[in-house]
């Protein structure tokens, strides 16, 4: 069934009959259509505000956590060791961006979330993260040679293996922030 605006009414959520549609419903020929309950229970402004608050909280907590970890490591490691860790960390952050490639944002933009969309985003993120981790393991020596520090080989390889772990949670975080 479709809304009068052309949006698909089918979803996995429970449905409620409403009379917000103008004109005939393309499937049933009546002037009402089915609207997912989650769209009618809360006003859009309230849902948007809640999503913004949770997104901001996640970003701020990630930044604070990274700052604390870096501050602790700066105190524990020698300057050259800390620099090596920072280079390895940069590889990891690039991998996170590479593995998510904007796919998670499709979960926010989609009018209805189908199980196949959720699965596609999840498995694609995981596959890209795993590919990046394997690339870090295989090319860690070349990256260390390019930088001129062989101590980076195990660091790049091990930190690169954290990217699939981050990919595992990206879809779930996006889904929880959307709702």
Foldseek 3Di string as FASTA:
>chain_A
DAAQVGHDQDAPADWDKDQPGDAADPPPGDNIDIHHPVPVPDDPVVLVVQLVVVVVVVVVVVVVVVVVVLVVCPVVDDPVVSVLLVVLVVLLVVLLCQLQVCLLVVVLVDPYDYPVSLVVNLVSSLVSLVVQLVCQLVCLCVVCVVVVHNVNNVSNNVSSNCNSVVSNCSNVSSVVSND
